Amino acid sequence: MVALALKPLDATPAHPNDLDRKRIERALASRRRYRYVSPIVEPAIGGYDVRSPCCSRNIDKDGGVIDVALLRHDAASGAWRLFWKDHGTGLWELHSMHPRLMTAIEELNADPERTFWQ
Protein backbone atom coordinates (compact mmCIF):
# COMPACT_ATOMS: atom_id res chain seq x y z
CA MET A 1 0.00 0.00 0.00
CA VAL A 2 1.29 3.45 -0.92
CA ALA A 3 0.48 6.41 1.30
CA LEU A 4 -0.15 9.72 -0.42
CA ALA A 5 0.32 13.08 1.19
CA LEU A 6 -2.63 15.23 0.22
CA LYS A 7 -2.44 18.96 0.25
CA PRO A 8 -5.30 20.71 2.04
CA LEU A 9 -7.81 22.41 -0.19
CA ASP A 10 -7.02 26.04 -0.87
CA ALA A 11 -9.46 28.11 1.16
CA THR A 12 -8.52 31.31 -0.64
CA PRO A 13 -11.54 32.68 -2.49
CA ALA A 14 -11.22 33.09 -6.26
CA HIS A 15 -12.54 36.66 -6.12
CA PRO A 16 -11.42 39.33 -5.94
CA ASN A 17 -8.26 38.91 -7.98
CA ASP A 18 -6.20 41.38 -9.95
CA LEU A 19 -6.62 39.64 -13.32
CA ASP A 20 -10.43 39.88 -13.28
CA ARG A 21 -10.30 43.39 -11.84
CA LYS A 22 -8.29 44.51 -14.86
CA ARG A 23 -10.65 42.63 -17.23
CA ILE A 24 -13.56 44.55 -15.74
CA GLU A 25 -11.72 47.87 -16.12
CA ARG A 26 -11.02 47.15 -19.80
CA ALA A 27 -14.58 45.99 -20.47
CA LEU A 28 -16.07 49.14 -18.92
CA ALA A 29 -14.44 51.18 -21.69
CA SER A 30 -17.23 49.96 -24.00
CA ARG A 31 -20.09 51.18 -21.79
CA ARG A 32 -22.79 53.38 -23.31
CA ARG A 33 -23.13 56.00 -20.55
CA TYR A 34 -20.66 58.51 -19.10
CA ARG A 35 -17.83 57.41 -21.36
CA TYR A 36 -15.83 60.53 -20.53
CA VAL A 37 -15.17 59.56 -16.88
CA SER A 38 -12.81 56.85 -15.68
CA PRO A 39 -14.52 54.28 -13.46
CA ILE A 40 -12.64 52.74 -10.56
CA VAL A 41 -12.83 48.98 -9.95
CA GLU A 42 -11.92 48.04 -6.39
CA PRO A 43 -11.77 44.66 -4.67
CA ALA A 44 -14.78 43.85 -2.49
CA ILE A 45 -15.64 40.79 -0.44
CA GLY A 46 -16.31 38.06 -2.99
CA GLY A 47 -16.13 40.39 -5.96
CA TYR A 48 -15.66 43.95 -7.17
CA ASP A 49 -17.01 47.43 -6.47
CA VAL A 50 -17.40 49.76 -9.45
CA ARG A 51 -17.25 53.47 -8.63
CA SER A 52 -17.12 56.55 -10.79
CA PRO A 53 -17.07 60.34 -10.58
CA CYS A 54 -20.66 61.63 -10.64
CA CYS A 55 -20.51 63.86 -13.70
CA SER A 56 -24.32 64.08 -14.03
CA ARG A 57 -24.48 65.67 -10.55
CA ASN A 58 -27.72 63.71 -9.99
CA ILE A 59 -26.35 61.86 -6.96
CA ASP A 60 -23.46 64.06 -5.81
CA LYS A 61 -23.86 67.76 -6.55
CA ASP A 62 -20.07 68.22 -6.23
CA GLY A 63 -19.26 65.49 -8.74
CA GLY A 64 -17.58 63.23 -6.20
CA VAL A 65 -16.96 59.51 -6.65
CA ILE A 66 -20.11 57.41 -6.18
CA ASP A 67 -20.98 53.70 -6.17
CA VAL A 68 -22.14 52.44 -9.56
CA ALA A 69 -22.33 48.65 -9.24
CA LEU A 70 -21.28 45.73 -7.09
CA LEU A 71 -20.33 42.40 -8.65
CA ARG A 72 -20.36 39.40 -6.31
CA HIS A 73 -19.37 35.85 -7.20
CA ASP A 74 -21.37 33.03 -5.60
CA ALA A 75 -18.82 30.25 -5.22
CA ALA A 76 -21.49 27.59 -4.59
CA SER A 77 -23.41 28.17 -7.82
CA GLY A 78 -20.67 29.85 -9.86
CA ALA A 79 -23.08 32.68 -10.73
CA TRP A 80 -22.34 36.39 -10.67
CA ARG A 81 -24.73 38.73 -8.88
CA LEU A 82 -24.96 42.27 -10.20
CA PHE A 83 -26.16 44.89 -7.71
CA TRP A 84 -27.12 48.55 -8.18
CA LYS A 85 -26.93 51.21 -5.48
CA ASP A 86 -30.13 52.82 -4.25
CA HIS A 87 -28.55 56.13 -3.36
CA GLY A 88 -31.73 57.27 -1.59
CA THR A 89 -31.50 54.50 1.00
CA GLY A 90 -27.77 53.82 0.69
CA LEU A 91 -28.46 50.11 0.13
CA TRP A 92 -27.32 47.71 -2.59
CA GLU A 93 -30.19 46.07 -4.50
CA LEU A 94 -29.91 42.87 -6.55
CA HIS A 95 -30.36 43.66 -10.23
CA SER A 96 -29.62 40.34 -11.93
CA MET A 97 -27.69 37.05 -11.87
CA HIS A 98 -25.36 35.86 -14.62
CA PRO A 99 -23.56 32.60 -15.38
CA ARG A 100 -20.37 34.44 -16.39
CA LEU A 101 -18.59 37.61 -15.32
CA MET A 102 -18.58 39.06 -18.82
CA THR A 103 -22.36 38.73 -19.22
CA ALA A 104 -22.78 40.71 -16.00
CA ILE A 105 -20.41 43.38 -17.36
CA GLU A 106 -22.36 43.50 -20.64
CA GLU A 107 -25.53 44.22 -18.64
CA LEU A 108 -23.72 46.93 -16.67
CA ASN A 109 -22.35 48.48 -19.86
CA ALA A 110 -25.72 48.54 -21.66
CA ASP A 111 -27.74 49.97 -18.74
CA PRO A 112 -30.82 50.92 -20.83
CA GLU A 113 -32.79 52.08 -17.77
CA ARG A 114 -29.94 54.17 -16.29
CA THR A 115 -30.00 51.95 -13.21
CA PHE A 116 -26.24 51.96 -12.71
CA TRP A 117 -24.85 55.02 -14.51
CA GLN A 118 -27.10 57.65 -12.94
C-alpha atoms as a PDB file:
ATOM      1  CA  MET A   1       0.000   0.000   0.000  1.00  0.00           C
ATOM      2  CA  VAL A   2       1.292   3.453  -0.921  1.00  0.00           C
ATOM      3  CA  ALA A   3       0.479   6.412   1.303  1.00  0.00           C
ATOM      4  CA  LEU A   4      -0.149   9.721  -0.421  1.00  0.00           C
ATOM      5  CA  ALA A   5       0.321  13.081   1.186  1.00  0.00           C
ATOM      6  CA  LEU A   6      -2.629  15.226   0.219  1.00  0.00           C
ATOM      7  CA  LYS A   7      -2.440  18.961   0.252  1.00  0.00           C
ATOM      8  CA  PRO A   8      -5.299  20.705   2.042  1.00  0.00           C
ATOM      9  CA  LEU A   9      -7.812  22.414  -0.194  1.00  0.00           C
ATOM     10  CA  ASP A  10      -7.015  26.038  -0.873  1.00  0.00           C
ATOM     11  CA  ALA A  11      -9.465  28.112   1.158  1.00  0.00           C
ATOM     12  CA  THR A  12      -8.517  31.314  -0.644  1.00  0.00           C
ATOM     13  CA  PRO A  13     -11.541  32.681  -2.489  1.00  0.00           C
ATOM     14  CA  ALA A  14     -11.221  33.091  -6.258  1.00  0.00           C
ATOM     15  CA  HIS A  15     -12.535  36.663  -6.124  1.00  0.00           C
ATOM     16  CA  PRO A  16     -11.420  39.333  -5.935  1.00  0.00           C
ATOM     17  CA  ASN A  17      -8.261  38.910  -7.984  1.00  0.00           C
ATOM     18  CA  ASP A  18      -6.197  41.385  -9.950  1.00  0.00           C
ATOM     19  CA  LEU A  19      -6.624  39.641 -13.322  1.00  0.00           C
ATOM     20  CA  ASP A  20     -10.429  39.876 -13.283  1.00  0.00           C
ATOM     21  CA  ARG A  21     -10.300  43.390 -11.839  1.00  0.00           C
ATOM     22  CA  LYS A  22      -8.291  44.511 -14.859  1.00  0.00           C
ATOM     23  CA  ARG A  23     -10.648  42.627 -17.225  1.00  0.00           C
ATOM     24  CA  ILE A  24     -13.564  44.552 -15.744  1.00  0.00           C
ATOM     25  CA  GLU A  25     -11.725  47.865 -16.119  1.00  0.00           C
ATOM     26  CA  ARG A  26     -11.021  47.149 -19.797  1.00  0.00           C
ATOM     27  CA  ALA A  27     -14.581  45.987 -20.470  1.00  0.00           C
ATOM     28  CA  LEU A  28     -16.071  49.143 -18.920  1.00  0.00           C
ATOM     29  CA  ALA A  29     -14.439  51.176 -21.686  1.00  0.00           C
ATOM     30  CA  SER A  30     -17.232  49.960 -24.002  1.00  0.00           C
ATOM     31  CA  ARG A  31     -20.087  51.180 -21.789  1.00  0.00           C
ATOM     32  CA  ARG A  32     -22.789  53.380 -23.309  1.00  0.00           C
ATOM     33  CA  ARG A  33     -23.132  56.001 -20.554  1.00  0.00           C
ATOM     34  CA  TYR A  34     -20.661  58.511 -19.104  1.00  0.00           C
ATOM     35  CA  ARG A  35     -17.827  57.406 -21.356  1.00  0.00           C
ATOM     36  CA  TYR A  36     -15.828  60.526 -20.528  1.00  0.00           C
ATOM     37  CA  VAL A  37     -15.169  59.557 -16.884  1.00  0.00           C
ATOM     38  CA  SER A  38     -12.806  56.846 -15.682  1.00  0.00           C
ATOM     39  CA  PRO A  39     -14.521  54.276 -13.462  1.00  0.00           C
ATOM     40  CA  ILE A  40     -12.641  52.743 -10.562  1.00  0.00           C
ATOM     41  CA  VAL A  41     -12.832  48.984  -9.947  1.00  0.00           C
ATOM     42  CA  GLU A  42     -11.919  48.037  -6.393  1.00  0.00           C
ATOM     43  CA  PRO A  43     -11.767  44.660  -4.671  1.00  0.00           C
ATOM     44  CA  ALA A  44     -14.779  43.852  -2.491  1.00  0.00           C
ATOM     45  CA  ILE A  45     -15.643  40.792  -0.439  1.00  0.00           C
ATOM     46  CA  GLY A  46     -16.311  38.062  -2.989  1.00  0.00           C
ATOM     47  CA  GLY A  47     -16.127  40.395  -5.958  1.00  0.00           C
ATOM     48  CA  TYR A  48     -15.662  43.949  -7.169  1.00  0.00           C
ATOM     49  CA  ASP A  49     -17.009  47.430  -6.465  1.00  0.00           C
ATOM     50  CA  VAL A  50     -17.395  49.757  -9.453  1.00  0.00           C
ATOM     51  CA  ARG A  51     -17.254  53.466  -8.626  1.00  0.00           C
ATOM     52  CA  SER A  52     -17.122  56.551 -10.790  1.00  0.00           C
ATOM     53  CA  PRO A  53     -17.070  60.339 -10.583  1.00  0.00           C
ATOM     54  CA  CYS A  54     -20.656  61.630 -10.641  1.00  0.00           C
ATOM     55  CA  CYS A  55     -20.514  63.858 -13.700  1.00  0.00           C
ATOM     56  CA  SER A  56     -24.322  64.082 -14.025  1.00  0.00           C
ATOM     57  CA  ARG A  57     -24.484  65.673 -10.549  1.00  0.00           C
ATOM     58  CA  ASN A  58     -27.720  63.708  -9.986  1.00  0.00           C
ATOM     59  CA  ILE A  59     -26.346  61.863  -6.958  1.00  0.00           C
ATOM     60  CA  ASP A  60     -23.457  64.058  -5.809  1.00  0.00           C
ATOM     61  CA  LYS A  61     -23.855  67.763  -6.552  1.00  0.00           C
ATOM     62  CA  ASP A  62     -20.069  68.222  -6.226  1.00  0.00           C
ATOM     63  CA  GLY A  63     -19.263  65.490  -8.742  1.00  0.00           C
ATOM     64  CA  GLY A  64     -17.579  63.227  -6.198  1.00  0.00           C
ATOM     65  CA  VAL A  65     -16.958  59.507  -6.655  1.00  0.00           C
ATOM     66  CA  ILE A  66     -20.112  57.405  -6.184  1.00  0.00           C
ATOM     67  CA  ASP A  67     -20.979  53.705  -6.165  1.00  0.00           C
ATOM     68  CA  VAL A  68     -22.136  52.444  -9.562  1.00  0.00           C
ATOM     69  CA  ALA A  69     -22.326  48.648  -9.243  1.00  0.00           C
ATOM     70  CA  LEU A  70     -21.280  45.734  -7.092  1.00  0.00           C
ATOM     71  CA  LEU A  71     -20.334  42.396  -8.650  1.00  0.00           C
ATOM     72  CA  ARG A  72     -20.357  39.397  -6.313  1.00  0.00           C
ATOM     73  CA  HIS A  73     -19.375  35.853  -7.199  1.00  0.00           C
ATOM     74  CA  ASP A  74     -21.372  33.032  -5.603  1.00  0.00           C
ATOM     75  CA  ALA A  75     -18.823  30.251  -5.223  1.00  0.00           C
ATOM     76  CA  ALA A  76     -21.490  27.595  -4.585  1.00  0.00           C
ATOM     77  CA  SER A  77     -23.407  28.169  -7.822  1.00  0.00           C
ATOM     78  CA  GLY A  78     -20.673  29.854  -9.860  1.00  0.00           C
ATOM     79  CA  ALA A  79     -23.082  32.680 -10.733  1.00  0.00           C
ATOM     80  CA  TRP A  80     -22.341  36.387 -10.665  1.00  0.00           C
ATOM     81  CA  ARG A  81     -24.731  38.732  -8.884  1.00  0.00           C
ATOM     82  CA  LEU A  82     -24.963  42.269 -10.196  1.00  0.00           C
ATOM     83  CA  PHE A  83     -26.161  44.895  -7.707  1.00  0.00           C
ATOM     84  CA  TRP A  84     -27.115  48.548  -8.176  1.00  0.00           C
ATOM     85  CA  LYS A  85     -26.933  51.207  -5.481  1.00  0.00           C
ATOM     86  CA  ASP A  86     -30.134  52.818  -4.248  1.00  0.00           C
ATOM     87  CA  HIS A  87     -28.545  56.134  -3.361  1.00  0.00           C
ATOM     88  CA  GLY A  88     -31.726  57.269  -1.586  1.00  0.00           C
ATOM     89  CA  THR A  89     -31.501  54.503   1.003  1.00  0.00           C
ATOM     90  CA  GLY A  90     -27.773  53.825   0.691  1.00  0.00           C
ATOM     91  CA  LEU A  91     -28.456  50.113   0.126  1.00  0.00           C
ATOM     92  CA  TRP A  92     -27.317  47.711  -2.592  1.00  0.00           C
ATOM     93  CA  GLU A  93     -30.188  46.066  -4.495  1.00  0.00           C
ATOM     94  CA  LEU A  94     -29.906  42.873  -6.550  1.00  0.00           C
ATOM     95  CA  HIS A  95     -30.357  43.664 -10.230  1.00  0.00           C
ATOM     96  CA  SER A  96     -29.623  40.335 -11.934  1.00  0.00           C
ATOM     97  CA  MET A  97     -27.694  37.052 -11.870  1.00  0.00           C
ATOM     98  CA  HIS A  98     -25.361  35.859 -14.621  1.00  0.00           C
ATOM     99  CA  PRO A  99     -23.564  32.596 -15.377  1.00  0.00           C
ATOM    100  CA  ARG A 100     -20.366  34.444 -16.388  1.00  0.00           C
ATOM    101  CA  LEU A 101     -18.588  37.611 -15.316  1.00  0.00           C
ATOM    102  CA  MET A 102     -18.583  39.061 -18.823  1.00  0.00           C
ATOM    103  CA  THR A 103     -22.365  38.735 -19.225  1.00  0.00           C
ATOM    104  CA  ALA A 104     -22.779  40.712 -16.002  1.00  0.00           C
ATOM    105  CA  ILE A 105     -20.406  43.377 -17.363  1.00  0.00           C
ATOM    106  CA  GLU A 106     -22.358  43.499 -20.642  1.00  0.00           C
ATOM    107  CA  GLU A 107     -25.533  44.218 -18.645  1.00  0.00           C
ATOM    108  CA  LEU A 108     -23.718  46.926 -16.674  1.00  0.00           C
ATOM    109  CA  ASN A 109     -22.355  48.484 -19.858  1.00  0.00           C
ATOM    110  CA  ALA A 110     -25.724  48.539 -21.661  1.00  0.00           C
ATOM    111  CA  ASP A 111     -27.737  49.967 -18.741  1.00  0.00           C
ATOM    112  CA  PRO A 112     -30.821  50.916 -20.826  1.00  0.00           C
ATOM    113  CA  GLU A 113     -32.794  52.078 -17.772  1.00  0.00           C
ATOM    114  CA  ARG A 114     -29.941  54.172 -16.290  1.00  0.00           C
ATOM    115  CA  THR A 115     -30.002  51.952 -13.208  1.00  0.00           C
ATOM    116  CA  PHE A 116     -26.245  51.960 -12.712  1.00  0.00           C
ATOM    117  CA  TRP A 117     -24.852  55.024 -14.507  1.00  0.00           C
ATOM    118  CA  GLN A 118     -27.104  57.647 -12.939  1.00  0.00           C
END
